[in-house]
C-alpha atoms as a PDB file:
ATOM      1  CA  MET A   1       0.064   0.197   0.247  1.00  0.00           C
ATOM      2  CA  LYS A   2       1.351   3.328  -0.816  1.00  0.00           C
ATOM      3  CA  THR A   3       0.560   5.787   1.829  1.00  0.00           C
ATOM      4  CA  MET A   4       1.839   9.722   1.596  1.00  0.00           C
ATOM      5  CA  ILE A   5       2.541  10.613   5.128  1.00  0.00           C
ATOM      6  CA  ASP A   6       4.868  13.213   6.930  1.00  0.00           C
ATOM      7  CA  LEU A   7       7.552  12.068   9.243  1.00  0.00           C
ATOM      8  CA  PRO A   8      10.075  13.973  11.203  1.00  0.00           C
ATOM      9  CA  ASP A   9      13.605  13.572   9.322  1.00  0.00           C
ATOM     10  CA  GLU A  10      15.380  13.271  12.398  1.00  0.00           C
ATOM     11  CA  LEU A  11      13.332  10.532  13.947  1.00  0.00           C
ATOM     12  CA  ILE A  12      13.694   8.571  10.388  1.00  0.00           C
ATOM     13  CA  GLU A  13      17.269   9.374  10.186  1.00  0.00           C
ATOM     14  CA  GLU A  14      17.968   8.207  14.170  1.00  0.00           C
ATOM     15  CA  ALA A  15      15.741   4.878  13.795  1.00  0.00           C
ATOM     16  CA  MET A  16      17.769   4.330  10.716  1.00  0.00           C
ATOM     17  CA  GLN A  17      20.656   5.044  12.752  1.00  0.00           C
ATOM     18  CA  LEU A  18      20.130   2.703  15.654  1.00  0.00           C
ATOM     19  CA  THR A  19      18.571  -0.154  13.802  1.00  0.00           C
ATOM     20  CA  ASP A  20      21.073   0.144  10.461  1.00  0.00           C
ATOM     21  CA  ILE A  21      18.588   0.112   8.351  1.00  0.00           C
ATOM     22  CA  LYS A  22      19.269   1.518   5.228  1.00  0.00           C
ATOM     23  CA  THR A  23      15.935   2.607   3.581  1.00  0.00           C
ATOM     24  CA  LYS A  24      13.088   4.723   5.220  1.00  0.00           C
ATOM     25  CA  THR A  25      10.695   2.210   4.369  1.00  0.00           C
ATOM     26  CA  GLN A  26      12.212  -0.744   6.069  1.00  0.00           C
ATOM     27  CA  VAL A  27      12.812   0.933   9.434  1.00  0.00           C
ATOM     28  CA  ILE A  28       9.195   2.065   9.632  1.00  0.00           C
ATOM     29  CA  ILE A  29       8.177  -1.168   8.830  1.00  0.00           C
ATOM     30  CA  LEU A  30      10.144  -2.592  11.785  1.00  0.00           C
ATOM     31  CA  ALA A  31       8.488  -0.044  14.050  1.00  0.00           C
ATOM     32  CA  LEU A  32       5.407  -1.205  13.115  1.00  0.00           C
ATOM     33  CA  GLN A  33       6.056  -4.651  13.890  1.00  0.00           C
ATOM     34  CA  GLU A  34       7.587  -3.934  16.994  1.00  0.00           C
ATOM     35  CA  LEU A  35       4.299  -1.805  18.331  1.00  0.00           C
ATOM     36  CA  VAL A  36       2.299  -4.973  16.859  1.00  0.00           C
ATOM     37  CA  LYS A  37       4.285  -7.163  18.814  1.00  0.00           C
ATOM     38  CA  LYS A  38       4.454  -5.074  22.070  1.00  0.00           C
ATOM     39  CA  ASN A  39       0.792  -5.052  21.803  1.00  0.00           C
ATOM     40  CA  LYS A  40       0.264  -8.513  21.887  1.00  0.00           C
ATOM     41  CA  ILE A  41       2.498  -9.208  24.612  1.00  0.00           C
ATOM     42  CA  ALA A  42       0.446  -6.181  27.327  1.00  0.00           C
ATOM     43  CA  GLU A  43      -2.515  -7.747  25.753  1.00  0.00           C
ATOM     44  CA  LEU A  44      -1.146 -11.456  26.814  1.00  0.00           C
ATOM     45  CA  LYS A  45      -0.253  -9.951  30.228  1.00  0.00           C
ATOM     46  CA  ASN A  46      -3.642  -9.490  31.654  1.00  0.00           C
ATOM     47  CA  PHE A  47      -4.335 -12.819  31.499  1.00  0.00           C
ATOM     48  CA  LYS A  48      -1.168 -13.227  34.119  1.00  0.00           C
ATOM     49  CA  GLY A  49      -3.066 -15.333  36.555  1.00  0.00           C
ATOM     50  CA  LYS A  50      -6.445 -15.846  35.162  1.00  0.00           C
ATOM     51  CA  VAL A  51      -6.080 -19.055  33.711  1.00  0.00           C
ATOM     52  CA  ASN A  52      -5.626 -21.695  35.666  1.00  0.00           C
ATOM     53  CA  LEU A  53      -3.320 -24.458  34.022  1.00  0.00           C
ATOM     54  CA  GLU A  54      -3.184 -27.476  35.900  1.00  0.00           C
ATOM     55  CA  ILE A  55      -0.612 -29.615  33.731  1.00  0.00           C
ATOM     56  CA  ASP A  56       1.218 -32.312  34.589  1.00  0.00           C
ATOM     57  CA  ILE A  57       3.835 -31.759  32.131  1.00  0.00           C
ATOM     58  CA  ASP A  58       5.170 -35.345  32.332  1.00  0.00           C
ATOM     59  CA  THR A  59       1.802 -36.960  32.027  1.00  0.00           C
ATOM     60  CA  LEU A  60       1.639 -35.004  28.861  1.00  0.00           C
ATOM     61  CA  ARG A  61       5.084 -36.319  27.879  1.00  0.00           C
ATOM     62  CA  ASN A  62       4.072 -39.560  28.689  1.00  0.00           C
ATOM     63  CA  ARG A  63       6.508 -40.016  31.282  1.00  0.00           C
ATOM     64  CA  ASP A  64       6.900 -42.953  33.846  1.00  0.00           C
ATOM     65  CA  VAL A  65       7.948 -40.647  36.912  1.00  0.00           C
ATOM     66  CA  HIS A  66       7.661 -43.673  39.349  1.00  0.00           C
ATOM     67  CA  PRO A  67       9.360 -46.892  37.917  1.00  0.00           C
ATOM     68  CA  SER A  68       8.493 -49.878  38.701  1.00  0.00           C
END
C-alpha cells in the first residue's frame, strides 16, 4: 500500500542509524512490527494469574515418573 505521510526527518534518520537499516520504508515497517508485537505482549500479560492450567508435564510427555 502506498501512503504519503509527513514524518520528522530527524526521527527517521535516528531510527535508521540505531537499527542500521538503510531505507526509510524498512525502518517504518520494523517500527510498525515492533508496535504490534509490544501491544500483543501487553494483551497477553492481562491474562497473568487468570488462567489456571493444572498441567502435569510428565503426563503430557508420557513419562513414567515412578519407575517400577
